[in-house]
């Protein structure tokens, strides 16, 4: 392999192992990218060795492919990550079960981002929606939000969205207040 090829594909061995794991499960790029919630183009760059996944994405891929501890440690090393930086006591790969149950919680951003387009991917793992704006450099589409959910949740979102739009389309009916009833304050004598 020439020096130029190594520079363009510095993570070729790592990428080849990830691609092999995907192919062993008979999954497409779109299926895996949907499962770990990354763009299929990004996953493809990982597989050809042009770039490496972040630590979080690599852990998600390892968990998704159900890769064993020894091979996981090899992939981690091929990506250039050390076990000391994982923030977990002991081996990063002590248990795939622990990785499968992890979740990222980020503080809520209350800003509203308006979008022009949405790209929806559906696969066996659920639904991923990419909300896009035409405001990037040279008016290129720019993804501003990415949301993933189960198919069942997506169906409930559709229902709620439809109900809300229907309610918004109904004309506002102003209610008239009725006059208060007069109460007889006279005491009756016995």
N, C-alpha and C. Protein backbone atom coordinates (compact mmCIF):
# COMPACT_ATOMS: atom_id res chain seq x y z
N UNK A 1 0.86 -1.17 0.00
CA UNK A 1 0.00 0.00 0.00
C UNK A 1 0.90 1.22 0.00
N UNK A 2 0.63 2.18 -0.91
CA UNK A 2 1.46 3.37 -1.02
C UNK A 2 1.21 4.34 0.11
N UNK A 3 2.19 5.26 0.29
CA UNK A 3 2.09 6.26 1.35
C UNK A 3 0.87 7.15 1.15
N UNK A 4 0.57 7.51 -0.11
CA UNK A 4 -0.58 8.37 -0.40
C UNK A 4 -1.89 7.67 -0.01
N UNK A 5 -1.99 6.38 -0.27
CA UNK A 5 -3.20 5.61 0.08
C UNK A 5 -3.38 5.54 1.59
N UNK A 6 -2.29 5.41 2.34
CA UNK A 6 -2.36 5.36 3.80
C UNK A 6 -2.86 6.70 4.34
N UNK A 7 -2.40 7.80 3.73
CA UNK A 7 -2.83 9.12 4.18
C UNK A 7 -4.32 9.34 3.92
N UNK A 8 -4.85 8.83 2.80
CA UNK A 8 -6.26 9.00 2.50
C UNK A 8 -7.13 8.05 3.31
N UNK A 9 -6.57 6.92 3.71
CA UNK A 9 -7.32 5.91 4.45
C UNK A 9 -6.55 5.47 5.69
N UNK A 10 -6.38 6.39 6.67
CA UNK A 10 -5.57 6.06 7.84
C UNK A 10 -6.21 5.00 8.74
N UNK A 11 -7.49 4.76 8.59
CA UNK A 11 -8.17 3.78 9.44
C UNK A 11 -8.74 2.64 8.61
N UNK A 12 -7.99 2.24 7.57
CA UNK A 12 -8.45 1.21 6.64
C UNK A 12 -8.70 -0.13 7.34
N UNK A 13 -7.83 -0.53 8.25
CA UNK A 13 -7.99 -1.81 8.94
C UNK A 13 -9.23 -1.77 9.84
N UNK A 14 -9.37 -0.68 10.58
CA UNK A 14 -10.56 -0.52 11.43
C UNK A 14 -11.82 -0.54 10.58
N UNK A 15 -11.82 0.20 9.50
CA UNK A 15 -12.98 0.26 8.61
C UNK A 15 -13.32 -1.09 8.02
N UNK A 16 -12.30 -1.83 7.63
CA UNK A 16 -12.53 -3.17 7.07
C UNK A 16 -13.18 -4.09 8.09
N UNK A 17 -12.76 -4.00 9.33
CA UNK A 17 -13.34 -4.84 10.38
C UNK A 17 -14.80 -4.45 10.65
N UNK A 18 -15.09 -3.14 10.63
CA UNK A 18 -16.47 -2.70 10.83
C UNK A 18 -17.36 -3.15 9.66
N UNK A 19 -16.84 -3.04 8.45
CA UNK A 19 -17.60 -3.48 7.28
C UNK A 19 -17.86 -4.98 7.34
N UNK A 20 -16.84 -5.74 7.73
CA UNK A 20 -16.99 -7.19 7.85
C UNK A 20 -18.08 -7.53 8.87
N UNK A 21 -18.09 -6.82 9.99
CA UNK A 21 -19.11 -7.06 11.03
C UNK A 21 -20.51 -6.77 10.48
N UNK A 22 -20.63 -5.69 9.71
CA UNK A 22 -21.93 -5.35 9.12
C UNK A 22 -22.38 -6.41 8.13
N UNK A 23 -21.45 -6.84 7.28
CA UNK A 23 -21.79 -7.83 6.26
C UNK A 23 -22.14 -9.19 6.88
N UNK A 24 -21.49 -9.53 7.99
CA UNK A 24 -21.80 -10.80 8.68
C UNK A 24 -23.24 -10.82 9.17
N UNK A 25 -23.79 -9.66 9.47
CA UNK A 25 -25.18 -9.54 9.94
C UNK A 25 -26.15 -9.32 8.78
N UNK A 26 -25.60 -9.28 7.55
CA UNK A 26 -26.43 -9.09 6.35
C UNK A 26 -27.25 -7.81 6.44
N UNK A 27 -26.60 -6.72 6.87
CA UNK A 27 -27.26 -5.44 7.01
C UNK A 27 -26.67 -4.44 6.02
N UNK A 28 -27.52 -3.56 5.54
CA UNK A 28 -27.07 -2.52 4.61
C UNK A 28 -26.49 -1.35 5.40
N UNK A 29 -25.81 -0.46 4.67
CA UNK A 29 -25.30 0.76 5.31
C UNK A 29 -26.43 1.55 5.94
N UNK A 30 -27.56 1.65 5.23
CA UNK A 30 -28.70 2.41 5.75
C UNK A 30 -29.27 1.79 7.02
N UNK A 31 -29.32 0.46 7.08
CA UNK A 31 -29.86 -0.19 8.28
C UNK A 31 -28.98 0.08 9.49
N UNK A 32 -27.69 -0.06 9.33
CA UNK A 32 -26.77 0.16 10.45
C UNK A 32 -26.73 1.64 10.83
N UNK A 33 -26.68 2.51 9.83
CA UNK A 33 -26.62 3.94 10.15
C UNK A 33 -27.89 4.38 10.86
N UNK A 34 -29.03 3.81 10.49
CA UNK A 34 -30.27 4.12 11.19
C UNK A 34 -30.27 3.59 12.62
N UNK A 35 -29.70 2.42 12.81
CA UNK A 35 -29.67 1.81 14.14
C UNK A 35 -28.80 2.62 15.12
N UNK A 36 -27.69 3.16 14.63
CA UNK A 36 -26.80 3.93 15.52
C UNK A 36 -26.95 5.43 15.31
N UNK A 37 -27.89 5.81 14.46
CA UNK A 37 -28.26 7.20 14.22
C UNK A 37 -27.12 8.07 13.73
N UNK A 38 -26.51 7.62 12.63
CA UNK A 38 -25.53 8.43 11.92
C UNK A 38 -25.88 8.37 10.44
N UNK A 39 -25.36 9.29 9.66
CA UNK A 39 -25.61 9.28 8.22
C UNK A 39 -24.91 8.09 7.59
N UNK A 40 -25.54 7.50 6.58
CA UNK A 40 -24.93 6.35 5.90
C UNK A 40 -23.62 6.75 5.22
N UNK A 41 -23.53 8.01 4.75
CA UNK A 41 -22.29 8.48 4.13
C UNK A 41 -21.14 8.51 5.15
N UNK A 42 -21.46 8.88 6.38
CA UNK A 42 -20.46 8.90 7.45
C UNK A 42 -20.00 7.48 7.75
N UNK A 43 -20.96 6.55 7.85
CA UNK A 43 -20.62 5.15 8.10
C UNK A 43 -19.74 4.61 6.98
N UNK A 44 -20.06 4.97 5.75
CA UNK A 44 -19.26 4.50 4.61
C UNK A 44 -17.82 5.01 4.71
N UNK A 45 -17.64 6.26 5.16
CA UNK A 45 -16.29 6.80 5.34
C UNK A 45 -15.54 6.04 6.43
N UNK A 46 -16.26 5.61 7.47
CA UNK A 46 -15.62 4.78 8.49
C UNK A 46 -15.16 3.47 7.87
N UNK A 47 -16.04 2.85 7.08
CA UNK A 47 -15.74 1.52 6.52
C UNK A 47 -14.60 1.54 5.50
N UNK A 48 -14.45 2.63 4.76
CA UNK A 48 -13.34 2.67 3.80
C UNK A 48 -12.06 3.21 4.44
N UNK A 49 -12.16 3.63 5.69
CA UNK A 49 -10.97 4.05 6.43
C UNK A 49 -10.60 5.51 6.28
N UNK A 50 -11.47 6.32 5.69
CA UNK A 50 -11.17 7.75 5.54
C UNK A 50 -11.23 8.48 6.87
N UNK A 51 -12.08 8.04 7.75
CA UNK A 51 -12.19 8.68 9.06
C UNK A 51 -12.53 7.62 10.10
N UNK A 52 -12.41 8.00 11.35
CA UNK A 52 -12.72 7.07 12.42
C UNK A 52 -13.95 7.56 13.18
N UNK A 53 -14.72 6.64 13.73
CA UNK A 53 -15.87 7.05 14.53
C UNK A 53 -15.41 7.64 15.85
N UNK A 54 -16.23 8.52 16.41
CA UNK A 54 -15.94 9.03 17.75
C UNK A 54 -16.03 7.85 18.72
N UNK A 55 -15.57 8.06 19.94
CA UNK A 55 -15.63 6.99 20.94
C UNK A 55 -17.07 6.52 21.15
N UNK A 56 -18.01 7.48 21.22
CA UNK A 56 -19.42 7.13 21.45
C UNK A 56 -19.98 6.31 20.31
N UNK A 57 -19.69 6.73 19.07
CA UNK A 57 -20.21 6.01 17.90
C UNK A 57 -19.57 4.63 17.81
N UNK A 58 -18.29 4.55 18.09
CA UNK A 58 -17.63 3.24 18.06
C UNK A 58 -18.26 2.30 19.09
N UNK A 59 -18.55 2.80 20.27
CA UNK A 59 -19.22 1.97 21.28
C UNK A 59 -20.61 1.53 20.79
N UNK A 60 -21.34 2.43 20.13
CA UNK A 60 -22.66 2.06 19.60
C UNK A 60 -22.54 1.00 18.52
N UNK A 61 -21.55 1.12 17.65
CA UNK A 61 -21.34 0.12 16.59
C UNK A 61 -20.97 -1.23 17.20
N UNK A 62 -20.07 -1.22 18.18
CA UNK A 62 -19.66 -2.46 18.85
C UNK A 62 -20.87 -3.12 19.51
N UNK A 63 -21.68 -2.32 20.16
CA UNK A 63 -22.89 -2.85 20.80
C UNK A 63 -23.87 -3.38 19.77
N UNK A 64 -24.09 -2.62 18.71
CA UNK A 64 -25.04 -3.04 17.67
C UNK A 64 -24.61 -4.36 17.04
N UNK A 65 -23.31 -4.48 16.73
CA UNK A 65 -22.81 -5.70 16.09
C UNK A 65 -22.62 -6.84 17.09
N UNK A 66 -22.83 -6.55 18.38
CA UNK A 66 -22.66 -7.55 19.44
C UNK A 66 -21.28 -8.20 19.37
N UNK A 67 -20.27 -7.34 19.27
CA UNK A 67 -18.88 -7.78 19.14
C UNK A 67 -18.36 -8.17 20.52
N UNK A 68 -17.62 -9.26 20.60
CA UNK A 68 -17.08 -9.75 21.85
C UNK A 68 -16.00 -8.84 22.42
N UNK A 69 -15.65 -9.12 23.68
CA UNK A 69 -14.72 -8.27 24.42
C UNK A 69 -13.35 -8.15 23.76
N UNK A 70 -12.78 -9.27 23.32
CA UNK A 70 -11.44 -9.23 22.76
C UNK A 70 -11.40 -8.46 21.44
N UNK A 71 -12.36 -8.73 20.55
CA UNK A 71 -12.40 -8.01 19.29
C UNK A 71 -12.73 -6.53 19.51
N UNK A 72 -13.57 -6.25 20.49
CA UNK A 72 -13.90 -4.86 20.82
C UNK A 72 -12.65 -4.10 21.23
N UNK A 73 -11.83 -4.73 22.05
CA UNK A 73 -10.58 -4.09 22.49
C UNK A 73 -9.67 -3.84 21.29
N UNK A 74 -9.64 -4.77 20.34
CA UNK A 74 -8.83 -4.59 19.12
C UNK A 74 -9.33 -3.39 18.32
N UNK A 75 -10.66 -3.29 18.15
CA UNK A 75 -11.23 -2.17 17.39
C UNK A 75 -10.93 -0.85 18.08
N UNK A 76 -11.06 -0.84 19.40
CA UNK A 76 -10.79 0.36 20.18
C UNK A 76 -9.35 0.81 19.96
N UNK A 77 -8.42 -0.15 19.96
CA UNK A 77 -7.01 0.15 19.75
C UNK A 77 -6.76 0.61 18.32
N UNK A 78 -7.40 -0.03 17.34
CA UNK A 78 -7.24 0.38 15.95
C UNK A 78 -7.73 1.81 15.72
N UNK A 79 -8.73 2.21 16.49
CA UNK A 79 -9.26 3.58 16.37
C UNK A 79 -8.35 4.59 17.06
N UNK A 80 -7.39 4.08 17.85
CA UNK A 80 -6.45 4.98 18.52
C UNK A 80 -6.94 5.50 19.85
N UNK A 81 -7.93 4.83 20.44
CA UNK A 81 -8.44 5.26 21.74
C UNK A 81 -7.79 4.40 22.82
N UNK A 82 -7.48 5.03 23.94
CA UNK A 82 -6.91 4.27 25.04
C UNK A 82 -7.99 4.00 26.07
N UNK A 83 -7.85 2.92 26.80
CA UNK A 83 -8.84 2.55 27.81
C UNK A 83 -8.90 3.54 28.95
N UNK A 84 -7.83 4.29 29.20
CA UNK A 84 -7.81 5.24 30.30
C UNK A 84 -8.76 6.41 30.07
N UNK A 85 -9.08 6.72 28.81
CA UNK A 85 -9.90 7.89 28.52
C UNK A 85 -11.38 7.57 28.46
N UNK A 86 -11.75 6.34 28.76
CA UNK A 86 -13.17 5.98 28.61
C UNK A 86 -14.05 6.43 29.76
N UNK A 87 -13.46 6.78 30.91
CA UNK A 87 -14.25 7.23 32.04
C UNK A 87 -14.96 6.12 32.78
N UNK A 88 -14.65 4.88 32.48
CA UNK A 88 -15.29 3.74 33.13
C UNK A 88 -14.20 2.94 33.82
N UNK A 89 -14.46 2.52 35.05
CA UNK A 89 -13.45 1.72 35.74
C UNK A 89 -13.35 0.36 35.09
N UNK A 90 -12.14 -0.15 35.02
CA UNK A 90 -11.94 -1.45 34.40
C UNK A 90 -11.92 -1.32 32.89
N UNK A 91 -12.13 -2.42 32.21
CA UNK A 91 -12.10 -2.44 30.76
C UNK A 91 -13.32 -1.74 30.17
N UNK A 92 -13.10 -1.07 29.05
CA UNK A 92 -14.20 -0.42 28.34
C UNK A 92 -15.22 -1.45 27.91
N UNK A 93 -14.76 -2.64 27.67
CA UNK A 93 -15.60 -3.65 27.07
C UNK A 93 -15.97 -4.76 28.05
N UNK A 94 -16.08 -4.43 29.32
CA UNK A 94 -16.43 -5.44 30.32
C UNK A 94 -17.74 -6.12 29.98
N UNK A 95 -18.68 -5.34 29.50
CA UNK A 95 -19.99 -5.92 29.25
C UNK A 95 -20.71 -5.19 28.13
N UNK A 96 -21.07 -5.91 27.08
CA UNK A 96 -21.88 -5.32 26.02
C UNK A 96 -23.23 -4.93 26.58
N UNK A 97 -23.70 -5.61 27.61
CA UNK A 97 -24.99 -5.30 28.22
C UNK A 97 -24.98 -3.89 28.80
N UNK A 98 -23.88 -3.50 29.44
CA UNK A 98 -23.77 -2.15 29.97
C UNK A 98 -23.82 -1.11 28.87
N UNK A 99 -23.17 -1.40 27.74
CA UNK A 99 -23.17 -0.46 26.62
C UNK A 99 -24.56 -0.35 26.02
N UNK A 100 -25.26 -1.44 25.94
CA UNK A 100 -26.58 -1.47 25.32
C UNK A 100 -27.57 -0.62 26.11
N UNK A 101 -27.37 -0.48 27.42
CA UNK A 101 -28.32 0.23 28.25
C UNK A 101 -27.92 1.68 28.50
N UNK A 102 -26.81 2.14 27.91
CA UNK A 102 -26.40 3.51 28.15
C UNK A 102 -27.22 4.47 27.31
N UNK A 103 -27.37 5.69 27.80
CA UNK A 103 -28.11 6.72 27.08
C UNK A 103 -27.42 8.05 27.33
N UNK A 104 -27.54 8.94 26.38
CA UNK A 104 -26.97 10.27 26.51
C UNK A 104 -28.08 11.24 26.85
N UNK A 105 -27.90 12.02 27.89
CA UNK A 105 -28.87 13.03 28.28
C UNK A 105 -28.18 14.38 28.16
N UNK A 106 -28.74 15.22 27.31
CA UNK A 106 -28.16 16.53 27.08
C UNK A 106 -29.12 17.59 27.60
N UNK A 107 -28.60 18.73 28.04
CA UNK A 107 -29.51 19.79 28.49
C UNK A 107 -30.37 20.26 27.33
N UNK A 108 -31.61 20.62 27.64
CA UNK A 108 -32.54 21.02 26.61
C UNK A 108 -32.24 22.43 26.13
N UNK A 109 -32.25 22.60 24.84
CA UNK A 109 -32.06 23.89 24.22
C UNK A 109 -33.45 24.41 23.85
N UNK A 110 -33.84 25.57 24.37
CA UNK A 110 -35.20 26.03 24.17
C UNK A 110 -35.36 26.87 22.90
N UNK A 111 -34.29 27.05 22.14
CA UNK A 111 -34.40 27.80 20.90
C UNK A 111 -35.22 26.99 19.90
N UNK A 112 -35.95 27.69 19.04
CA UNK A 112 -36.73 27.04 17.99
C UNK A 112 -35.95 27.17 16.69
N UNK A 113 -35.75 26.06 16.02
CA UNK A 113 -35.06 26.06 14.74
C UNK A 113 -36.08 25.73 13.67
N UNK A 114 -36.25 26.63 12.72
CA UNK A 114 -37.19 26.39 11.63
C UNK A 114 -36.47 25.71 10.49
N UNK A 115 -37.16 24.78 9.85
CA UNK A 115 -36.54 24.01 8.78
C UNK A 115 -37.33 24.15 7.49
N UNK A 116 -36.65 23.86 6.39
CA UNK A 116 -37.25 23.91 5.07
C UNK A 116 -37.62 22.52 4.55
N UNK A 117 -36.87 21.51 4.97
CA UNK A 117 -37.03 20.16 4.44
C UNK A 117 -36.87 19.14 5.56
N UNK A 118 -37.34 17.95 5.28
CA UNK A 118 -37.10 16.83 6.19
C UNK A 118 -36.78 15.60 5.35
N UNK A 119 -35.80 14.85 5.79
CA UNK A 119 -35.43 13.58 5.15
C UNK A 119 -35.74 12.49 6.16
N UNK A 120 -36.55 11.51 5.77
CA UNK A 120 -36.97 10.46 6.70
C UNK A 120 -36.42 9.12 6.21
N UNK A 121 -35.78 8.39 7.14
CA UNK A 121 -35.30 7.04 6.87
C UNK A 121 -36.05 6.08 7.79
N UNK A 122 -36.56 5.00 7.23
CA UNK A 122 -37.25 3.98 8.01
C UNK A 122 -36.56 2.65 7.75
N UNK A 123 -36.26 1.93 8.82
CA UNK A 123 -35.71 0.58 8.67
C UNK A 123 -36.26 -0.30 9.79
N UNK A 124 -35.72 -1.48 9.94
CA UNK A 124 -36.22 -2.41 10.95
C UNK A 124 -36.05 -1.90 12.37
N UNK A 125 -35.18 -0.92 12.58
CA UNK A 125 -34.89 -0.44 13.93
C UNK A 125 -35.72 0.77 14.31
N UNK A 126 -36.34 1.42 13.35
CA UNK A 126 -37.15 2.59 13.68
C UNK A 126 -37.12 3.63 12.59
N UNK A 127 -37.32 4.87 12.99
CA UNK A 127 -37.43 6.00 12.08
C UNK A 127 -36.41 7.05 12.49
N UNK A 128 -35.71 7.61 11.51
CA UNK A 128 -34.79 8.71 11.76
C UNK A 128 -35.20 9.85 10.82
N UNK A 129 -35.41 11.03 11.42
CA UNK A 129 -35.79 12.21 10.64
C UNK A 129 -34.66 13.23 10.73
N UNK A 130 -34.20 13.68 9.58
CA UNK A 130 -33.20 14.75 9.50
C UNK A 130 -33.92 16.01 9.06
N UNK A 131 -33.93 17.02 9.92
CA UNK A 131 -34.55 18.30 9.59
C UNK A 131 -33.46 19.19 9.00
N UNK A 132 -33.76 19.80 7.84
CA UNK A 132 -32.74 20.46 7.04
C UNK A 132 -33.16 21.90 6.73
N UNK A 133 -32.17 22.79 6.67
CA UNK A 133 -32.37 24.18 6.28
C UNK A 133 -31.52 24.47 5.06
N UNK A 134 -32.02 25.31 4.17
CA UNK A 134 -31.23 25.76 3.03
C UNK A 134 -30.49 27.03 3.40
N UNK A 135 -29.64 26.96 4.39
CA UNK A 135 -28.94 28.17 4.82
C UNK A 135 -27.45 27.95 4.97
N UNK A 136 -26.97 26.82 4.49
CA UNK A 136 -25.55 26.54 4.60
C UNK A 136 -24.75 27.37 3.61
N UNK A 137 -23.45 27.14 3.54
CA UNK A 137 -22.62 27.86 2.58
C UNK A 137 -23.14 27.62 1.16
N UNK A 138 -23.19 28.67 0.38
CA UNK A 138 -23.69 28.58 -1.00
C UNK A 138 -25.10 28.02 -1.06
N UNK A 139 -25.89 28.31 -0.02
CA UNK A 139 -27.28 27.85 0.08
C UNK A 139 -27.39 26.32 0.00
N UNK A 140 -26.39 25.63 0.51
CA UNK A 140 -26.40 24.17 0.55
C UNK A 140 -27.28 23.72 1.71
N UNK A 141 -27.98 22.60 1.56
CA UNK A 141 -28.79 22.09 2.67
C UNK A 141 -27.89 21.78 3.87
N UNK A 142 -28.38 22.15 5.05
CA UNK A 142 -27.63 21.95 6.29
C UNK A 142 -28.55 21.28 7.31
N UNK A 143 -28.16 20.13 7.81
CA UNK A 143 -28.97 19.43 8.81
C UNK A 143 -28.90 20.22 10.11
N UNK A 144 -30.07 20.55 10.67
CA UNK A 144 -30.11 21.32 11.91
C UNK A 144 -30.59 20.49 13.09
N UNK A 145 -31.23 19.37 12.81
CA UNK A 145 -31.68 18.49 13.90
C UNK A 145 -31.85 17.08 13.34
N UNK A 146 -31.63 16.12 14.21
CA UNK A 146 -31.76 14.71 13.84
C UNK A 146 -32.50 14.03 14.98
N UNK A 147 -33.62 13.37 14.65
CA UNK A 147 -34.45 12.74 15.67
C UNK A 147 -34.71 11.29 15.27
N UNK A 148 -34.47 10.39 16.21
CA UNK A 148 -34.74 8.98 15.98
C UNK A 148 -35.79 8.49 16.95
N UNK A 149 -36.60 7.53 16.50
CA UNK A 149 -37.67 6.99 17.35
C UNK A 149 -38.12 5.63 16.82
N UNK A 150 -38.88 4.92 17.63
CA UNK A 150 -39.44 3.65 17.19
C UNK A 150 -40.56 3.92 16.19
N UNK A 151 -40.94 2.91 15.46
CA UNK A 151 -42.04 3.05 14.50
C UNK A 151 -43.34 3.40 15.22
N UNK A 152 -43.57 2.77 16.37
CA UNK A 152 -44.80 3.02 17.12
C UNK A 152 -44.86 4.48 17.58
N UNK A 153 -43.73 4.97 18.06
CA UNK A 153 -43.70 6.36 18.51
C UNK A 153 -43.91 7.31 17.32
N UNK A 154 -43.34 6.97 16.17
CA UNK A 154 -43.51 7.80 14.98
C UNK A 154 -44.99 7.88 14.59
N UNK A 155 -45.70 6.76 14.71
CA UNK A 155 -47.13 6.76 14.39
C UNK A 155 -47.90 7.65 15.35
N UNK A 156 -47.54 7.63 16.63
CA UNK A 156 -48.23 8.50 17.60
C UNK A 156 -47.90 9.97 17.34
N UNK A 157 -46.67 10.26 16.91
CA UNK A 157 -46.30 11.64 16.58
C UNK A 157 -47.13 12.13 15.39
N UNK A 158 -47.33 11.27 14.41
CA UNK A 158 -48.16 11.63 13.25
C UNK A 158 -49.58 11.97 13.71
N UNK A 159 -50.15 11.15 14.59
CA UNK A 159 -51.51 11.41 15.08
C UNK A 159 -51.59 12.73 15.84
N UNK A 160 -50.65 12.96 16.72
CA UNK A 160 -50.65 14.20 17.51
C UNK A 160 -50.48 15.42 16.60
N UNK A 161 -49.57 15.31 15.64
CA UNK A 161 -49.35 16.41 14.70
C UNK A 161 -50.62 16.69 13.89
N UNK A 162 -51.29 15.64 13.42
CA UNK A 162 -52.51 15.83 12.65
C UNK A 162 -53.62 16.46 13.50
N UNK A 163 -53.79 15.99 14.72
CA UNK A 163 -54.80 16.57 15.61
C UNK A 163 -54.52 18.05 15.88
N UNK A 164 -53.26 18.36 16.13
CA UNK A 164 -52.89 19.74 16.42
C UNK A 164 -53.13 20.64 15.21
N UNK A 165 -52.77 20.16 14.01
CA UNK A 165 -53.01 20.95 12.80
C UNK A 165 -54.50 21.13 12.56
N UNK A 166 -55.29 20.08 12.79
CA UNK A 166 -56.74 20.17 12.62
C UNK A 166 -57.34 21.21 13.57
N UNK A 167 -56.89 21.20 14.82
CA UNK A 167 -57.38 22.17 15.80
C UNK A 167 -56.99 23.59 15.40
N UNK A 168 -55.79 23.75 14.88
CA UNK A 168 -55.33 25.08 14.48
C UNK A 168 -56.11 25.60 13.27
N UNK A 169 -56.61 24.70 12.42
CA UNK A 169 -57.37 25.10 11.24
C UNK A 169 -58.80 25.49 11.56
N UNK A 170 -59.30 25.10 12.72
CA UNK A 170 -60.68 25.45 13.09
C UNK A 170 -60.73 26.93 13.47
N UNK A 171 -61.81 27.62 13.01
CA UNK A 171 -61.91 29.05 13.36
C UNK A 171 -62.10 29.20 14.87
N UNK A 172 -61.54 30.28 15.38
CA UNK A 172 -61.71 30.56 16.80
C UNK A 172 -63.15 30.96 17.07
N UNK A 173 -63.79 30.27 17.93
CA UNK A 173 -65.16 30.58 18.31
C UNK A 173 -65.10 31.28 19.65
N UNK A 174 -65.59 32.51 19.66
CA UNK A 174 -65.58 33.25 20.91
C UNK A 174 -66.80 32.86 21.71
N UNK A 175 -66.57 32.57 22.95
CA UNK A 175 -67.67 32.17 23.83
C UNK A 175 -68.23 33.40 24.51
N UNK A 176 -69.55 33.42 24.59
CA UNK A 176 -70.22 34.50 25.30
C UNK A 176 -70.42 34.07 26.73
N UNK A 177 -70.12 34.94 27.62
CA UNK A 177 -70.36 34.64 29.02
C UNK A 177 -71.83 34.89 29.32
N UNK A 178 -72.42 34.00 30.04
CA UNK A 178 -73.82 34.19 30.44
C UNK A 178 -73.86 35.11 31.64
N UNK A 179 -74.98 35.77 31.78
CA UNK A 179 -75.13 36.66 32.93
C UNK A 179 -75.19 35.82 34.19
N UNK A 180 -74.61 36.34 35.25
CA UNK A 180 -74.65 35.57 36.50
C UNK A 180 -76.08 35.45 37.01
N UNK A 181 -76.33 34.31 37.61
CA UNK A 181 -77.66 34.09 38.16
C UNK A 181 -77.83 34.93 39.42
N UNK A 182 -79.03 35.45 39.57
CA UNK A 182 -79.31 36.24 40.77
C UNK A 182 -79.65 35.29 41.89
N UNK A 183 -79.05 35.53 43.00
CA UNK A 183 -79.28 34.67 44.16
C UNK A 183 -80.16 35.44 45.14
N UNK A 184 -81.17 34.77 45.61
CA UNK A 184 -82.09 35.37 46.56
C UNK A 184 -81.48 35.28 47.93
N UNK A 185 -81.12 36.43 48.50
CA UNK A 185 -80.48 36.45 49.82
C UNK A 185 -81.45 36.65 50.95
N UNK A 186 -82.72 36.65 50.67
CA UNK A 186 -83.71 36.83 51.74
C UNK A 186 -83.79 35.57 52.56
N UNK A 187 -83.82 35.78 53.88
CA UNK A 187 -83.96 34.64 54.79
C UNK A 187 -85.43 34.31 54.95
N UNK A 188 -85.68 33.10 54.96
CA UNK A 188 -87.08 32.68 55.21
C UNK A 188 -87.30 32.56 56.69
N UNK A 189 -88.47 32.97 57.10
CA UNK A 189 -88.79 32.89 58.52
C UNK A 189 -89.58 31.63 58.78
N UNK A 190 -89.35 31.01 59.91
CA UNK A 190 -90.07 29.80 60.23
C UNK A 190 -91.14 30.10 61.22
